[in-house]
Amino acid sequence: MQLVPLRRAFVVECLDEMLDLDREAVAAGDLEAWDGASWLADREDKWRLSWLVLDGSRIVGYRVMSSTGRLPRHAHGHRINILGERRRSGVGGRLMAVSHSRVRQAGFLGVTGLIEPGNSRSRVFFARHGYSPVQGRERLWAISFAKS
């Protein structure tokens, strides 16, 4: 398994495969559907902070990030998805660790993400990785990194 930076050229080339990976998570209510335009949108620092998980040439997961966090000096996790058959195998944890490392190296103090109140699977996953709800903001979760 290989974690590599997500690049626009790769998304252009493999857009159908990215959309296929999302279908299961969208059907389960874990993700909002993205179309091709959403995938190709140039969010600030998206191509510098986002990651892809490959098993050979097969896409098994990704995390899309940008520098537009909902809290000061925080990056924002727009979406994370792991192929259903690879969930609970450590892939998501590795993806979180690598993305957090990249965000810290870029000088951010943490990461924010929006999680729907009914999405219990995502809430458990993010809590397991150090995120917690932001007081007074029902959907907003965040992790702040300890200063070194």
N, C-alpha and C. Protein backbone atom coordinates (compact mmCIF):
# COMPACT_ATOMS: atom_id res chain seq x y z
N MET A 1 0.84 -1.17 0.00
CA MET A 1 0.00 0.00 0.00
C MET A 1 0.89 1.24 0.00
N GLN A 2 0.49 2.23 -0.77
CA GLN A 2 1.29 3.43 -0.93
C GLN A 2 0.42 4.67 -0.73
N LEU A 3 0.92 5.61 0.07
CA LEU A 3 0.26 6.90 0.23
C LEU A 3 1.04 7.91 -0.60
N VAL A 4 0.32 8.61 -1.48
CA VAL A 4 0.95 9.57 -2.38
C VAL A 4 0.14 10.86 -2.37
N PRO A 5 0.80 11.99 -2.62
CA PRO A 5 0.05 13.24 -2.72
C PRO A 5 -0.99 13.16 -3.85
N LEU A 6 -2.17 13.66 -3.60
CA LEU A 6 -3.23 13.70 -4.61
C LEU A 6 -2.95 14.88 -5.53
N ARG A 7 -2.89 14.62 -6.82
CA ARG A 7 -2.60 15.65 -7.81
C ARG A 7 -3.75 15.79 -8.79
N ARG A 8 -3.95 17.00 -9.27
CA ARG A 8 -5.04 17.30 -10.20
C ARG A 8 -4.97 16.39 -11.43
N ALA A 9 -3.79 16.21 -11.99
CA ALA A 9 -3.63 15.38 -13.20
C ALA A 9 -4.12 13.95 -12.94
N PHE A 10 -3.88 13.42 -11.75
CA PHE A 10 -4.35 12.08 -11.42
C PHE A 10 -5.87 12.05 -11.37
N VAL A 11 -6.48 13.06 -10.75
CA VAL A 11 -7.94 13.10 -10.66
C VAL A 11 -8.56 13.18 -12.06
N VAL A 12 -7.96 14.00 -12.94
CA VAL A 12 -8.46 14.10 -14.31
C VAL A 12 -8.42 12.72 -14.97
N GLU A 13 -7.31 12.03 -14.81
CA GLU A 13 -7.11 10.73 -15.45
C GLU A 13 -8.01 9.65 -14.85
N CYS A 14 -8.27 9.71 -13.56
CA CYS A 14 -8.99 8.64 -12.85
C CYS A 14 -10.32 9.09 -12.27
N LEU A 15 -10.93 10.11 -12.84
CA LEU A 15 -12.15 10.67 -12.27
C LEU A 15 -13.26 9.63 -12.10
N ASP A 16 -13.46 8.78 -13.09
CA ASP A 16 -14.52 7.76 -12.98
C ASP A 16 -14.26 6.83 -11.80
N GLU A 17 -13.01 6.47 -11.59
CA GLU A 17 -12.67 5.59 -10.46
C GLU A 17 -12.90 6.30 -9.12
N MET A 18 -12.59 7.60 -9.06
CA MET A 18 -12.84 8.37 -7.83
C MET A 18 -14.34 8.43 -7.54
N LEU A 19 -15.15 8.68 -8.57
CA LEU A 19 -16.60 8.73 -8.40
C LEU A 19 -17.15 7.36 -7.99
N ASP A 20 -16.61 6.28 -8.56
CA ASP A 20 -17.03 4.93 -8.18
C ASP A 20 -16.72 4.66 -6.71
N LEU A 21 -15.53 5.06 -6.25
CA LEU A 21 -15.16 4.87 -4.85
C LEU A 21 -16.15 5.58 -3.92
N ASP A 22 -16.62 6.74 -4.33
CA ASP A 22 -17.55 7.52 -3.50
C ASP A 22 -18.95 6.94 -3.43
N ARG A 23 -19.39 6.22 -4.45
CA ARG A 23 -20.79 5.79 -4.52
C ARG A 23 -21.25 5.03 -3.27
N GLU A 24 -20.46 4.10 -2.79
CA GLU A 24 -20.84 3.32 -1.61
C GLU A 24 -20.99 4.21 -0.38
N ALA A 25 -20.04 5.13 -0.18
CA ALA A 25 -20.10 6.02 0.99
C ALA A 25 -21.26 7.00 0.88
N VAL A 26 -21.55 7.46 -0.32
CA VAL A 26 -22.69 8.37 -0.52
C VAL A 26 -23.99 7.62 -0.23
N ALA A 27 -24.11 6.40 -0.73
CA ALA A 27 -25.32 5.60 -0.49
C ALA A 27 -25.54 5.32 0.99
N ALA A 28 -24.44 5.17 1.75
CA ALA A 28 -24.55 4.91 3.19
C ALA A 28 -24.77 6.19 4.00
N GLY A 29 -24.72 7.35 3.33
CA GLY A 29 -24.91 8.61 4.03
C GLY A 29 -23.65 9.13 4.69
N ASP A 30 -22.49 8.54 4.36
CA ASP A 30 -21.23 8.97 4.96
C ASP A 30 -20.63 10.19 4.26
N LEU A 31 -20.96 10.41 3.01
CA LEU A 31 -20.42 11.52 2.23
C LEU A 31 -21.52 12.17 1.42
N GLU A 32 -21.35 13.46 1.15
CA GLU A 32 -22.19 14.13 0.17
C GLU A 32 -21.62 13.80 -1.20
N ALA A 33 -22.48 13.67 -2.19
CA ALA A 33 -22.02 13.35 -3.54
C ALA A 33 -21.23 14.53 -4.12
N TRP A 34 -20.12 14.22 -4.75
CA TRP A 34 -19.34 15.20 -5.51
C TRP A 34 -19.41 14.79 -6.97
N ASP A 35 -19.57 15.79 -7.84
CA ASP A 35 -19.49 15.52 -9.27
C ASP A 35 -18.07 15.83 -9.73
N GLY A 36 -17.84 15.71 -11.03
CA GLY A 36 -16.51 15.96 -11.56
C GLY A 36 -16.00 17.35 -11.27
N ALA A 37 -16.89 18.34 -11.35
CA ALA A 37 -16.47 19.73 -11.09
C ALA A 37 -16.02 19.91 -9.64
N SER A 38 -16.69 19.25 -8.71
CA SER A 38 -16.30 19.34 -7.30
C SER A 38 -14.92 18.72 -7.11
N TRP A 39 -14.68 17.57 -7.75
CA TRP A 39 -13.39 16.92 -7.62
C TRP A 39 -12.26 17.77 -8.19
N LEU A 40 -12.54 18.48 -9.27
CA LEU A 40 -11.50 19.25 -9.95
C LEU A 40 -11.38 20.69 -9.45
N ALA A 41 -12.27 21.11 -8.56
CA ALA A 41 -12.22 22.48 -8.03
C ALA A 41 -10.86 22.74 -7.37
N ASP A 42 -10.32 23.90 -7.65
CA ASP A 42 -9.01 24.27 -7.10
C ASP A 42 -9.20 25.04 -5.79
N ARG A 43 -9.38 24.30 -4.71
CA ARG A 43 -9.44 24.94 -3.39
C ARG A 43 -8.02 25.31 -2.97
N GLU A 44 -7.92 26.33 -2.13
CA GLU A 44 -6.60 26.82 -1.73
C GLU A 44 -5.77 25.71 -1.07
N ASP A 45 -4.61 25.46 -1.62
CA ASP A 45 -3.64 24.45 -1.13
C ASP A 45 -4.14 23.01 -1.25
N LYS A 46 -5.23 22.77 -1.95
CA LYS A 46 -5.78 21.42 -2.08
C LYS A 46 -4.74 20.44 -2.60
N TRP A 47 -4.03 20.81 -3.63
CA TRP A 47 -3.10 19.87 -4.27
C TRP A 47 -1.81 19.72 -3.47
N ARG A 48 -1.62 20.55 -2.47
CA ARG A 48 -0.45 20.44 -1.60
C ARG A 48 -0.74 19.61 -0.35
N LEU A 49 -2.00 19.58 0.10
CA LEU A 49 -2.36 18.97 1.38
C LEU A 49 -3.13 17.65 1.27
N SER A 50 -3.59 17.28 0.09
CA SER A 50 -4.45 16.11 -0.07
C SER A 50 -3.65 14.86 -0.40
N TRP A 51 -4.21 13.69 0.00
CA TRP A 51 -3.50 12.41 -0.14
C TRP A 51 -4.37 11.34 -0.77
N LEU A 52 -3.71 10.38 -1.38
CA LEU A 52 -4.34 9.27 -2.05
C LEU A 52 -3.69 7.98 -1.55
N VAL A 53 -4.50 6.93 -1.38
CA VAL A 53 -3.97 5.62 -0.98
C VAL A 53 -4.16 4.67 -2.16
N LEU A 54 -3.05 4.06 -2.58
CA LEU A 54 -3.07 3.13 -3.70
C LEU A 54 -2.61 1.76 -3.25
N ASP A 55 -3.24 0.74 -3.80
CA ASP A 55 -2.78 -0.64 -3.64
C ASP A 55 -2.48 -1.09 -5.07
N GLY A 56 -1.22 -1.03 -5.44
CA GLY A 56 -0.86 -1.20 -6.84
C GLY A 56 -1.39 -0.01 -7.61
N SER A 57 -2.23 -0.25 -8.60
CA SER A 57 -2.84 0.85 -9.34
C SER A 57 -4.27 1.13 -8.89
N ARG A 58 -4.74 0.39 -7.90
CA ARG A 58 -6.13 0.52 -7.44
C ARG A 58 -6.23 1.59 -6.34
N ILE A 59 -7.18 2.50 -6.47
CA ILE A 59 -7.43 3.52 -5.46
C ILE A 59 -8.22 2.87 -4.32
N VAL A 60 -7.68 2.96 -3.10
CA VAL A 60 -8.40 2.38 -1.96
C VAL A 60 -8.79 3.45 -0.93
N GLY A 61 -8.38 4.69 -1.15
CA GLY A 61 -8.78 5.75 -0.23
C GLY A 61 -8.17 7.09 -0.61
N TYR A 62 -8.65 8.13 0.05
CA TYR A 62 -8.14 9.47 -0.18
C TYR A 62 -8.54 10.38 0.97
N ARG A 63 -7.87 11.51 1.07
CA ARG A 63 -8.29 12.59 1.97
C ARG A 63 -8.07 13.90 1.23
N VAL A 64 -9.13 14.66 1.05
CA VAL A 64 -9.06 15.96 0.37
C VAL A 64 -9.04 17.05 1.43
N MET A 65 -8.01 17.88 1.36
CA MET A 65 -7.80 18.94 2.36
C MET A 65 -7.59 20.28 1.63
N SER A 66 -7.72 21.36 2.37
CA SER A 66 -7.35 22.68 1.87
C SER A 66 -6.92 23.53 3.06
N SER A 67 -6.48 24.72 2.77
CA SER A 67 -6.03 25.62 3.84
C SER A 67 -7.15 26.51 4.35
N THR A 68 -8.38 26.20 4.01
CA THR A 68 -9.52 27.04 4.38
C THR A 68 -10.25 26.52 5.61
N GLY A 69 -9.53 26.34 6.70
CA GLY A 69 -10.13 25.84 7.93
C GLY A 69 -11.14 26.80 8.51
N ARG A 70 -12.04 26.26 9.30
CA ARG A 70 -13.11 27.06 9.91
C ARG A 70 -12.66 27.69 11.23
N LEU A 71 -11.43 27.43 11.65
CA LEU A 71 -10.83 28.05 12.83
C LEU A 71 -9.51 28.69 12.40
N PRO A 72 -9.05 29.71 13.10
CA PRO A 72 -7.80 30.37 12.71
C PRO A 72 -6.62 29.39 12.60
N ARG A 73 -5.87 29.51 11.53
CA ARG A 73 -4.65 28.73 11.26
C ARG A 73 -4.87 27.22 11.28
N HIS A 74 -6.06 26.80 10.91
CA HIS A 74 -6.39 25.39 10.77
C HIS A 74 -6.64 25.07 9.30
N ALA A 75 -6.16 23.93 8.85
CA ALA A 75 -6.52 23.41 7.53
C ALA A 75 -7.93 22.83 7.64
N HIS A 76 -8.51 22.46 6.51
CA HIS A 76 -9.84 21.89 6.53
C HIS A 76 -9.85 20.57 5.77
N GLY A 77 -10.40 19.53 6.38
CA GLY A 77 -10.59 18.25 5.72
C GLY A 77 -11.95 18.23 5.04
N HIS A 78 -11.97 18.31 3.73
CA HIS A 78 -13.23 18.34 2.99
C HIS A 78 -13.88 16.96 2.92
N ARG A 79 -13.06 15.92 2.79
CA ARG A 79 -13.61 14.57 2.75
C ARG A 79 -12.50 13.55 2.90
N ILE A 80 -12.88 12.43 3.45
CA ILE A 80 -12.00 11.27 3.57
C ILE A 80 -12.86 10.06 3.23
N ASN A 81 -12.28 9.13 2.49
CA ASN A 81 -13.04 7.94 2.13
C ASN A 81 -12.07 6.78 1.95
N ILE A 82 -12.46 5.65 2.48
CA ILE A 82 -11.71 4.40 2.34
C ILE A 82 -12.65 3.38 1.72
N LEU A 83 -12.15 2.64 0.75
CA LEU A 83 -12.93 1.59 0.12
C LEU A 83 -13.52 0.69 1.19
N GLY A 84 -14.82 0.38 1.08
CA GLY A 84 -15.53 -0.38 2.11
C GLY A 84 -14.81 -1.63 2.59
N GLU A 85 -14.28 -2.41 1.68
CA GLU A 85 -13.61 -3.66 2.07
C GLU A 85 -12.28 -3.41 2.78
N ARG A 86 -11.77 -2.18 2.75
CA ARG A 86 -10.50 -1.86 3.40
C ARG A 86 -10.69 -1.08 4.70
N ARG A 87 -11.94 -0.77 5.03
CA ARG A 87 -12.20 -0.07 6.29
C ARG A 87 -11.86 -0.98 7.46
N ARG A 88 -11.47 -0.37 8.57
CA ARG A 88 -11.12 -1.07 9.80
C ARG A 88 -9.89 -1.96 9.62
N SER A 89 -9.02 -1.55 8.68
CA SER A 89 -7.78 -2.30 8.44
C SER A 89 -6.54 -1.45 8.71
N GLY A 90 -6.75 -0.22 9.20
CA GLY A 90 -5.63 0.67 9.48
C GLY A 90 -5.34 1.68 8.39
N VAL A 91 -5.98 1.53 7.23
CA VAL A 91 -5.74 2.45 6.12
C VAL A 91 -6.13 3.88 6.50
N GLY A 92 -7.29 4.05 7.11
CA GLY A 92 -7.75 5.39 7.51
C GLY A 92 -6.82 6.03 8.53
N GLY A 93 -6.34 5.24 9.48
CA GLY A 93 -5.41 5.75 10.49
C GLY A 93 -4.10 6.22 9.87
N ARG A 94 -3.58 5.43 8.92
CA ARG A 94 -2.35 5.84 8.23
C ARG A 94 -2.58 7.12 7.43
N LEU A 95 -3.73 7.20 6.79
CA LEU A 95 -4.07 8.39 6.00
C LEU A 95 -4.18 9.63 6.90
N MET A 96 -4.80 9.47 8.06
CA MET A 96 -4.91 10.59 9.00
C MET A 96 -3.52 11.01 9.48
N ALA A 97 -2.67 10.05 9.82
CA ALA A 97 -1.33 10.38 10.33
C ALA A 97 -0.51 11.13 9.28
N VAL A 98 -0.54 10.67 8.05
CA VAL A 98 0.23 11.33 6.99
C VAL A 98 -0.32 12.73 6.70
N SER A 99 -1.64 12.85 6.64
CA SER A 99 -2.21 14.17 6.36
C SER A 99 -1.95 15.14 7.51
N HIS A 100 -2.03 14.66 8.74
CA HIS A 100 -1.73 15.54 9.88
C HIS A 100 -0.26 15.97 9.86
N SER A 101 0.62 15.07 9.52
CA SER A 101 2.04 15.41 9.44
C SER A 101 2.28 16.50 8.40
N ARG A 102 1.66 16.35 7.23
CA ARG A 102 1.82 17.35 6.16
C ARG A 102 1.27 18.70 6.60
N VAL A 103 0.13 18.70 7.25
CA VAL A 103 -0.50 19.95 7.71
C VAL A 103 0.38 20.64 8.75
N ARG A 104 0.93 19.87 9.66
CA ARG A 104 1.84 20.45 10.67
C ARG A 104 3.07 21.03 10.02
N GLN A 105 3.66 20.32 9.07
CA GLN A 105 4.84 20.81 8.36
C GLN A 105 4.54 22.11 7.62
N ALA A 106 3.31 22.27 7.18
CA ALA A 106 2.90 23.48 6.47
C ALA A 106 2.61 24.64 7.43
N GLY A 107 2.69 24.39 8.74
CA GLY A 107 2.54 25.46 9.72
C GLY A 107 1.14 25.66 10.29
N PHE A 108 0.24 24.74 10.00
CA PHE A 108 -1.12 24.86 10.55
C PHE A 108 -1.15 24.36 12.00
N LEU A 109 -2.08 24.91 12.79
CA LEU A 109 -2.21 24.53 14.19
C LEU A 109 -3.16 23.35 14.40
N GLY A 110 -3.90 22.99 13.36
CA GLY A 110 -4.84 21.89 13.47
C GLY A 110 -5.63 21.72 12.20
N VAL A 111 -6.70 20.92 12.30
CA VAL A 111 -7.56 20.61 11.15
C VAL A 111 -9.01 20.67 11.61
N THR A 112 -9.86 21.21 10.75
CA THR A 112 -11.30 21.19 11.00
C THR A 112 -11.97 20.27 9.98
N GLY A 113 -13.18 19.87 10.30
CA GLY A 113 -13.98 19.07 9.38
C GLY A 113 -15.44 19.17 9.77
N LEU A 114 -16.32 19.03 8.80
CA LEU A 114 -17.76 19.06 9.06
C LEU A 114 -18.29 17.64 9.05
N ILE A 115 -19.01 17.27 10.11
CA ILE A 115 -19.59 15.94 10.22
C ILE A 115 -21.06 16.11 10.56
N GLU A 116 -21.89 15.49 9.77
CA GLU A 116 -23.33 15.57 10.01
C GLU A 116 -23.67 14.88 11.33
N PRO A 117 -24.63 15.43 12.09
CA PRO A 117 -24.99 14.85 13.39
C PRO A 117 -25.37 13.37 13.34
N GLY A 118 -26.00 12.92 12.28
CA GLY A 118 -26.43 11.53 12.19
C GLY A 118 -25.36 10.57 11.68
N ASN A 119 -24.19 11.07 11.36
CA ASN A 119 -23.14 10.22 10.80
C ASN A 119 -22.28 9.64 11.92
N SER A 120 -22.83 8.65 12.60
CA SER A 120 -22.15 8.11 13.78
C SER A 120 -20.84 7.42 13.43
N ARG A 121 -20.76 6.77 12.27
CA ARG A 121 -19.51 6.09 11.89
C ARG A 121 -18.37 7.10 11.76
N SER A 122 -18.63 8.24 11.12
CA SER A 122 -17.59 9.27 10.99
C SER A 122 -17.25 9.89 12.33
N ARG A 123 -18.25 10.11 13.18
CA ARG A 123 -17.98 10.70 14.49
C ARG A 123 -17.07 9.80 15.32
N VAL A 124 -17.30 8.50 15.28
CA VAL A 124 -16.45 7.56 16.02
C VAL A 124 -15.04 7.57 15.44
N PHE A 125 -14.93 7.53 14.12
CA PHE A 125 -13.61 7.53 13.46
C PHE A 125 -12.82 8.78 13.82
N PHE A 126 -13.44 9.95 13.69
CA PHE A 126 -12.71 11.19 13.97
C PHE A 126 -12.36 11.31 15.44
N ALA A 127 -13.25 10.91 16.33
CA ALA A 127 -12.94 10.94 17.77
C ALA A 127 -11.75 10.04 18.08
N ARG A 128 -11.70 8.88 17.44
CA ARG A 128 -10.59 7.95 17.63
C ARG A 128 -9.25 8.58 17.22
N HIS A 129 -9.31 9.55 16.32
CA HIS A 129 -8.09 10.20 15.82
C HIS A 129 -7.87 11.59 16.40
N GLY A 130 -8.51 11.85 17.55
CA GLY A 130 -8.22 13.07 18.30
C GLY A 130 -9.11 14.26 18.04
N TYR A 131 -10.09 14.13 17.18
CA TYR A 131 -11.01 15.24 16.88
C TYR A 131 -12.11 15.28 17.93
N SER A 132 -12.65 16.47 18.13
CA SER A 132 -13.80 16.63 19.02
C SER A 132 -14.69 17.74 18.49
N PRO A 133 -15.97 17.73 18.89
CA PRO A 133 -16.88 18.77 18.42
C PRO A 133 -16.44 20.15 18.93
N VAL A 134 -16.62 21.15 18.11
CA VAL A 134 -16.33 22.53 18.51
C VAL A 134 -17.58 23.08 19.18
N GLN A 135 -17.41 23.56 20.39
CA GLN A 135 -18.55 24.04 21.18
C GLN A 135 -19.32 25.12 20.42
N GLY A 136 -20.64 24.95 20.38
CA GLY A 136 -21.51 25.92 19.76
C GLY A 136 -21.61 25.80 18.25
N ARG A 137 -20.96 24.81 17.65
CA ARG A 137 -20.98 24.63 16.19
C ARG A 137 -21.26 23.15 15.92
N GLU A 138 -22.53 22.82 15.79
CA GLU A 138 -23.02 21.45 15.78
C GLU A 138 -22.26 20.51 14.83
N ARG A 139 -21.96 20.93 13.62
CA ARG A 139 -21.33 20.05 12.63
C ARG A 139 -19.81 20.13 12.61
N LEU A 140 -19.24 21.14 13.25
CA LEU A 140 -17.80 21.37 13.15
C LEU A 140 -17.02 20.58 14.20
N TRP A 141 -16.05 19.80 13.73
CA TRP A 141 -15.14 19.05 14.58
C TRP A 141 -13.74 19.55 14.29
N ALA A 142 -12.84 19.43 15.26
CA ALA A 142 -11.48 19.91 15.06
C ALA A 142 -10.49 19.13 15.91
N ILE A 143 -9.26 19.15 15.43
CA ILE A 143 -8.12 18.68 16.20
C ILE A 143 -7.11 19.81 16.20
N SER A 144 -6.57 20.11 17.35
CA SER A 144 -5.49 21.10 17.45
C SER A 144 -4.25 20.36 17.90
N PHE A 145 -3.14 20.65 17.24
CA PHE A 145 -1.89 19.96 17.53
C PHE A 145 -1.18 20.64 18.69
N ALA A 146 -0.56 19.83 19.52
CA ALA A 146 0.23 20.35 20.63
C ALA A 146 1.43 21.11 20.06
N LYS A 147 1.74 22.21 20.67
CA LYS A 147 2.92 22.96 20.23
C LYS A 147 4.16 22.22 20.66
N SER A 148 5.13 22.13 19.72
CA SER A 148 6.37 21.41 20.05
C SER A 148 7.45 22.32 20.53
